[in-house]
Amino acid sequence: MTRRMRFSSARGLTLVELLVAMAILSVLAAAVLPVAEVTVRRTKEIELRRALREIRSAIDAYKEDYDKAVKDNTLPGGASLGDSGYPEDLETLVTGKDWGGPNKIKRKYLRRIPSDPFDEYGDGWGLRSYADDADSTVWGGEDVYDVYSQSGRTALDGTSYSTW
C-alpha cells in the first residue's frame, strides 16, 4: 500500500478569503469607532455635571453656614454691609472657614476642587460673583457665586458646556 499525499487537504486560507475577512473587519471597525467616541464624550459630560453639582453644592453649603453664623451672631469679625456671604474664591472651599461659636474648627466643604473634563487650555473653571449677570463671562472678583465650564464646545444635546 502506498500512501498518497493529497495537496488538496492542506490547511490554510486563500488570498481571496483573507481579503474578504479583512474587508469585513474594517467595516466593523468603521462602525464601532464613532460609537466609542460618543461613549467617551458622554462619560466626560457625566463627569462635568457631577463636578458642577459638587462645587455648586459646596458653595450653597458655605452660604448656609454664613447665614447661620450671621443669625447666631457668631461670625468672627462680624458681617459687613456689602458682604454677600459667598466664598472669596474656590480655594476657600478646600481650606475651610471658622464660623465662630463654641468649637473653633474650620469647616471644609471640598477635599479638592474637581477639574473640568473639557478644559482644553488649562484655564480652569469660569467664575461668577453675586454681583455679576447670570450669563457673564467675566468674573467681578468679589466672591464666587457660580462656576461654569469655559469650554467653547457643544454638548451631545446641542447646548454649550458653558451654559450648564
C-alpha atoms as a PDB file:
ATOM      1  CA  MET A   1       0.000   0.000   0.000  1.00  0.00           C
ATOM      2  CA  THR A   2       1.273   3.270  -0.943  1.00  0.00           C
ATOM      3  CA  ARG A   3       0.232   6.384   0.692  1.00  0.00           C
ATOM      4  CA  ARG A   4      -0.517   9.337  -1.424  1.00  0.00           C
ATOM      5  CA  MET A   5      -0.183  12.834  -0.191  1.00  0.00           C
ATOM      6  CA  ARG A   6      -3.114  14.937  -1.022  1.00  0.00           C
ATOM      7  CA  PHE A   7      -2.342  18.545  -1.543  1.00  0.00           C
ATOM      8  CA  SER A   8      -5.994  19.450  -1.605  1.00  0.00           C
ATOM      9  CA  SER A   9      -6.332  18.631   2.085  1.00  0.00           C
ATOM     10  CA  ALA A  10      -3.645  21.148   3.126  1.00  0.00           C
ATOM     11  CA  ARG A  11      -4.986  23.713   5.538  1.00  0.00           C
ATOM     12  CA  GLY A  12      -4.767  27.485   5.041  1.00  0.00           C
ATOM     13  CA  LEU A  13      -6.516  30.492   3.637  1.00  0.00           C
ATOM     14  CA  THR A  14      -6.519  31.657   0.118  1.00  0.00           C
ATOM     15  CA  LEU A  15      -5.748  35.242  -0.724  1.00  0.00           C
ATOM     16  CA  VAL A  16      -9.396  35.889  -1.576  1.00  0.00           C
ATOM     17  CA  GLU A  17     -10.589  34.548   1.791  1.00  0.00           C
ATOM     18  CA  LEU A  18      -8.038  36.701   3.574  1.00  0.00           C
ATOM     19  CA  LEU A  19      -9.121  39.842   1.703  1.00  0.00           C
ATOM     20  CA  VAL A  20     -12.806  39.170   2.446  1.00  0.00           C
ATOM     21  CA  ALA A  21     -12.047  38.728   6.161  1.00  0.00           C
ATOM     22  CA  MET A  22     -10.042  41.980   6.226  1.00  0.00           C
ATOM     23  CA  ALA A  23     -12.868  43.840   4.463  1.00  0.00           C
ATOM     24  CA  ILE A  24     -15.405  42.584   6.995  1.00  0.00           C
ATOM     25  CA  LEU A  25     -13.162  43.573   9.916  1.00  0.00           C
ATOM     26  CA  SER A  26     -12.578  47.069   8.507  1.00  0.00           C
ATOM     27  CA  VAL A  27     -16.331  47.638   8.064  1.00  0.00           C
ATOM     28  CA  LEU A  28     -16.946  46.565  11.665  1.00  0.00           C
ATOM     29  CA  ALA A  29     -14.142  48.811  12.953  1.00  0.00           C
ATOM     30  CA  ALA A  30     -15.521  51.776  10.998  1.00  0.00           C
ATOM     31  CA  ALA A  31     -18.918  51.220  12.634  1.00  0.00           C
ATOM     32  CA  VAL A  32     -17.513  50.861  16.171  1.00  0.00           C
ATOM     33  CA  LEU A  33     -15.202  53.910  16.258  1.00  0.00           C
ATOM     34  CA  PRO A  34     -17.935  56.599  16.173  1.00  0.00           C
ATOM     35  CA  VAL A  35     -19.869  54.766  18.878  1.00  0.00           C
ATOM     36  CA  ALA A  36     -16.744  54.623  21.044  1.00  0.00           C
ATOM     37  CA  GLU A  37     -16.117  58.367  20.556  1.00  0.00           C
ATOM     38  CA  VAL A  38     -19.683  59.197  21.609  1.00  0.00           C
ATOM     39  CA  THR A  39     -19.319  56.956  24.661  1.00  0.00           C
ATOM     40  CA  VAL A  40     -16.134  58.744  25.738  1.00  0.00           C
ATOM     41  CA  ARG A  41     -17.778  62.143  25.238  1.00  0.00           C
ATOM     42  CA  ARG A  42     -20.895  61.098  27.157  1.00  0.00           C
ATOM     43  CA  THR A  43     -18.693  59.926  30.041  1.00  0.00           C
ATOM     44  CA  LYS A  44     -16.950  63.317  30.128  1.00  0.00           C
ATOM     45  CA  GLU A  45     -20.336  65.062  30.124  1.00  0.00           C
ATOM     46  CA  ILE A  46     -21.453  62.995  33.106  1.00  0.00           C
ATOM     47  CA  GLU A  47     -18.206  63.896  34.873  1.00  0.00           C
ATOM     48  CA  LEU A  48     -18.765  67.607  34.098  1.00  0.00           C
ATOM     49  CA  ARG A  49     -22.298  67.521  35.519  1.00  0.00           C
ATOM     50  CA  ARG A  50     -21.051  65.770  38.660  1.00  0.00           C
ATOM     51  CA  ALA A  51     -18.219  68.280  39.147  1.00  0.00           C
ATOM     52  CA  LEU A  52     -20.546  71.266  38.686  1.00  0.00           C
ATOM     53  CA  ARG A  53     -23.059  69.766  41.133  1.00  0.00           C
ATOM     54  CA  GLU A  54     -20.309  69.118  43.691  1.00  0.00           C
ATOM     55  CA  ILE A  55     -18.866  72.645  43.531  1.00  0.00           C
ATOM     56  CA  ARG A  56     -22.272  74.345  43.486  1.00  0.00           C
ATOM     57  CA  SER A  57     -23.445  72.269  46.469  1.00  0.00           C
ATOM     58  CA  ALA A  58     -20.306  73.282  48.379  1.00  0.00           C
ATOM     59  CA  ILE A  59     -20.918  76.970  47.546  1.00  0.00           C
ATOM     60  CA  ASP A  60     -24.527  76.648  48.763  1.00  0.00           C
ATOM     61  CA  ALA A  61     -23.427  74.926  51.998  1.00  0.00           C
ATOM     62  CA  TYR A  62     -20.884  77.723  52.588  1.00  0.00           C
ATOM     63  CA  LYS A  63     -23.632  80.342  52.111  1.00  0.00           C
ATOM     64  CA  GLU A  64     -25.959  78.486  54.512  1.00  0.00           C
ATOM     65  CA  ASP A  65     -23.235  78.381  57.181  1.00  0.00           C
ATOM     66  CA  TYR A  66     -22.549  82.088  56.657  1.00  0.00           C
ATOM     67  CA  ASP A  67     -26.241  82.945  57.059  1.00  0.00           C
ATOM     68  CA  LYS A  68     -26.463  80.780  60.192  1.00  0.00           C
ATOM     69  CA  ALA A  69     -23.364  82.452  61.687  1.00  0.00           C
ATOM     70  CA  VAL A  70     -24.825  85.906  60.990  1.00  0.00           C
ATOM     71  CA  LYS A  71     -28.156  84.876  62.509  1.00  0.00           C
ATOM     72  CA  ASP A  72     -26.457  83.415  65.602  1.00  0.00           C
ATOM     73  CA  ASN A  73     -24.090  86.409  65.758  1.00  0.00           C
ATOM     74  CA  THR A  74     -21.037  84.110  65.869  1.00  0.00           C
ATOM     75  CA  LEU A  75     -19.297  85.347  62.715  1.00  0.00           C
ATOM     76  CA  PRO A  76     -15.689  86.261  63.582  1.00  0.00           C
ATOM     77  CA  GLY A  77     -15.220  89.965  62.843  1.00  0.00           C
ATOM     78  CA  GLY A  78     -18.936  90.410  62.245  1.00  0.00           C
ATOM     79  CA  ALA A  79     -20.719  90.802  58.937  1.00  0.00           C
ATOM     80  CA  SER A  80     -20.102  93.845  56.799  1.00  0.00           C
ATOM     81  CA  LEU A  81     -22.910  95.533  54.912  1.00  0.00           C
ATOM     82  CA  GLY A  82     -21.633  94.662  51.413  1.00  0.00           C
ATOM     83  CA  ASP A  83     -20.706  91.064  52.205  1.00  0.00           C
ATOM     84  CA  SER A  84     -22.731  88.581  50.138  1.00  0.00           C
ATOM     85  CA  GLY A  85     -21.793  85.538  52.214  1.00  0.00           C
ATOM     86  CA  TYR A  86     -20.287  83.590  49.333  1.00  0.00           C
ATOM     87  CA  PRO A  87     -16.664  82.340  49.377  1.00  0.00           C
ATOM     88  CA  GLU A  88     -13.915  84.690  48.174  1.00  0.00           C
ATOM     89  CA  ASP A  89     -12.504  82.004  45.860  1.00  0.00           C
ATOM     90  CA  LEU A  90     -12.795  78.266  45.231  1.00  0.00           C
ATOM     91  CA  GLU A  91      -9.741  77.552  47.375  1.00  0.00           C
ATOM     92  CA  THR A  92     -11.696  78.750  50.438  1.00  0.00           C
ATOM     93  CA  LEU A  93     -13.994  75.746  49.990  1.00  0.00           C
ATOM     94  CA  VAL A  94     -10.951  73.465  50.351  1.00  0.00           C
ATOM     95  CA  THR A  95      -9.097  75.278  53.144  1.00  0.00           C
ATOM     96  CA  GLY A  96     -12.264  75.802  55.155  1.00  0.00           C
ATOM     97  CA  LYS A  97     -13.763  78.585  57.262  1.00  0.00           C
ATOM     98  CA  ASP A  98     -14.148  79.061  61.018  1.00  0.00           C
ATOM     99  CA  TRP A  99     -17.680  80.251  61.692  1.00  0.00           C
ATOM    100  CA  GLY A 100     -17.090  81.037  65.355  1.00  0.00           C
ATOM    101  CA  GLY A 101     -19.157  79.506  68.081  1.00  0.00           C
ATOM    102  CA  PRO A 102     -18.034  77.256  70.930  1.00  0.00           C
ATOM    103  CA  ASN A 103     -15.744  74.956  68.915  1.00  0.00           C
ATOM    104  CA  LYS A 104     -13.103  76.693  66.824  1.00  0.00           C
ATOM    105  CA  ILE A 105     -12.992  74.239  63.950  1.00  0.00           C
ATOM    106  CA  LYS A 106     -12.663  75.150  60.297  1.00  0.00           C
ATOM    107  CA  ARG A 107     -15.461  73.648  58.247  1.00  0.00           C
ATOM    108  CA  LYS A 108     -14.198  72.340  54.928  1.00  0.00           C
ATOM    109  CA  TYR A 109     -16.581  71.944  52.015  1.00  0.00           C
ATOM    110  CA  LEU A 110     -14.439  70.163  49.400  1.00  0.00           C
ATOM    111  CA  ARG A 111     -11.464  67.816  49.662  1.00  0.00           C
ATOM    112  CA  ARG A 112     -10.203  69.111  46.344  1.00  0.00           C
ATOM    113  CA  ILE A 113     -11.522  71.256  43.542  1.00  0.00           C
ATOM    114  CA  PRO A 114     -12.812  68.965  40.790  1.00  0.00           C
ATOM    115  CA  SER A 115     -11.309  69.548  37.373  1.00  0.00           C
ATOM    116  CA  ASP A 116     -13.245  70.464  34.261  1.00  0.00           C
ATOM    117  CA  PRO A 117     -13.058  67.444  31.908  1.00  0.00           C
ATOM    118  CA  PHE A 118     -13.424  69.726  28.868  1.00  0.00           C
ATOM    119  CA  ASP A 119     -10.745  72.220  29.975  1.00  0.00           C
ATOM    120  CA  GLU A 120      -8.517  72.141  26.894  1.00  0.00           C
ATOM    121  CA  TYR A 121      -6.195  75.043  27.695  1.00  0.00           C
ATOM    122  CA  GLY A 122      -5.788  74.732  31.471  1.00  0.00           C
ATOM    123  CA  ASP A 123      -7.958  77.782  32.182  1.00  0.00           C
ATOM    124  CA  GLY A 124      -9.883  76.053  34.967  1.00  0.00           C
ATOM    125  CA  TRP A 125     -13.426  76.944  35.918  1.00  0.00           C
ATOM    126  CA  GLY A 126     -15.154  80.134  34.896  1.00  0.00           C
ATOM    127  CA  LEU A 127     -16.381  82.087  37.923  1.00  0.00           C
ATOM    128  CA  ARG A 128     -19.286  84.472  38.503  1.00  0.00           C
ATOM    129  CA  SER A 129     -19.737  86.684  41.534  1.00  0.00           C
ATOM    130  CA  TYR A 130     -23.022  87.541  43.182  1.00  0.00           C
ATOM    131  CA  ALA A 131     -22.977  90.996  41.554  1.00  0.00           C
ATOM    132  CA  ASP A 132     -22.317  89.628  38.027  1.00  0.00           C
ATOM    133  CA  ASP A 133     -25.012  88.993  35.437  1.00  0.00           C
ATOM    134  CA  ALA A 134     -26.303  85.420  35.168  1.00  0.00           C
ATOM    135  CA  ASP A 135     -24.612  84.873  31.790  1.00  0.00           C
ATOM    136  CA  SER A 136     -21.473  86.927  32.466  1.00  0.00           C
ATOM    137  CA  THR A 137     -18.171  85.503  31.249  1.00  0.00           C
ATOM    138  CA  VAL A 138     -16.066  87.996  33.231  1.00  0.00           C
ATOM    139  CA  TRP A 139     -15.621  87.439  36.956  1.00  0.00           C
ATOM    140  CA  GLY A 140     -16.198  90.514  39.116  1.00  0.00           C
ATOM    141  CA  GLY A 141     -13.760  89.149  41.720  1.00  0.00           C
ATOM    142  CA  GLU A 142     -15.755  89.942  44.862  1.00  0.00           C
ATOM    143  CA  ASP A 143     -16.867  86.371  45.623  1.00  0.00           C
ATOM    144  CA  VAL A 144     -17.761  83.067  43.938  1.00  0.00           C
ATOM    145  CA  TYR A 145     -21.498  82.746  43.392  1.00  0.00           C
ATOM    146  CA  ASP A 146     -21.395  80.281  40.484  1.00  0.00           C
ATOM    147  CA  VAL A 147     -18.995  78.243  38.342  1.00  0.00           C
ATOM    148  CA  TYR A 148     -19.207  77.184  34.710  1.00  0.00           C
ATOM    149  CA  SER A 149     -17.099  75.379  32.118  1.00  0.00           C
ATOM    150  CA  GLN A 150     -15.047  77.671  29.895  1.00  0.00           C
ATOM    151  CA  SER A 151     -15.118  75.173  27.038  1.00  0.00           C
ATOM    152  CA  GLY A 152     -16.485  76.511  23.781  1.00  0.00           C
ATOM    153  CA  ARG A 153     -17.549  73.039  22.670  1.00  0.00           C
ATOM    154  CA  THR A 154     -21.120  71.906  22.136  1.00  0.00           C
ATOM    155  CA  ALA A 155     -22.663  69.034  24.086  1.00  0.00           C
ATOM    156  CA  LEU A 156     -24.364  65.999  22.573  1.00  0.00           C
ATOM    157  CA  ASP A 157     -27.756  67.600  23.298  1.00  0.00           C
ATOM    158  CA  GLY A 158     -26.807  70.721  21.292  1.00  0.00           C
ATOM    159  CA  THR A 159     -26.214  73.095  24.211  1.00  0.00           C
ATOM    160  CA  SER A 160     -22.910  74.748  25.023  1.00  0.00           C
ATOM    161  CA  TYR A 161     -20.984  73.358  28.002  1.00  0.00           C
ATOM    162  CA  SER A 162     -20.566  76.903  29.309  1.00  0.00           C
ATOM    163  CA  THR A 163     -24.331  77.200  29.843  1.00  0.00           C
ATOM    164  CA  TRP A 164     -24.586  74.169  32.141  1.00  0.00           C
END
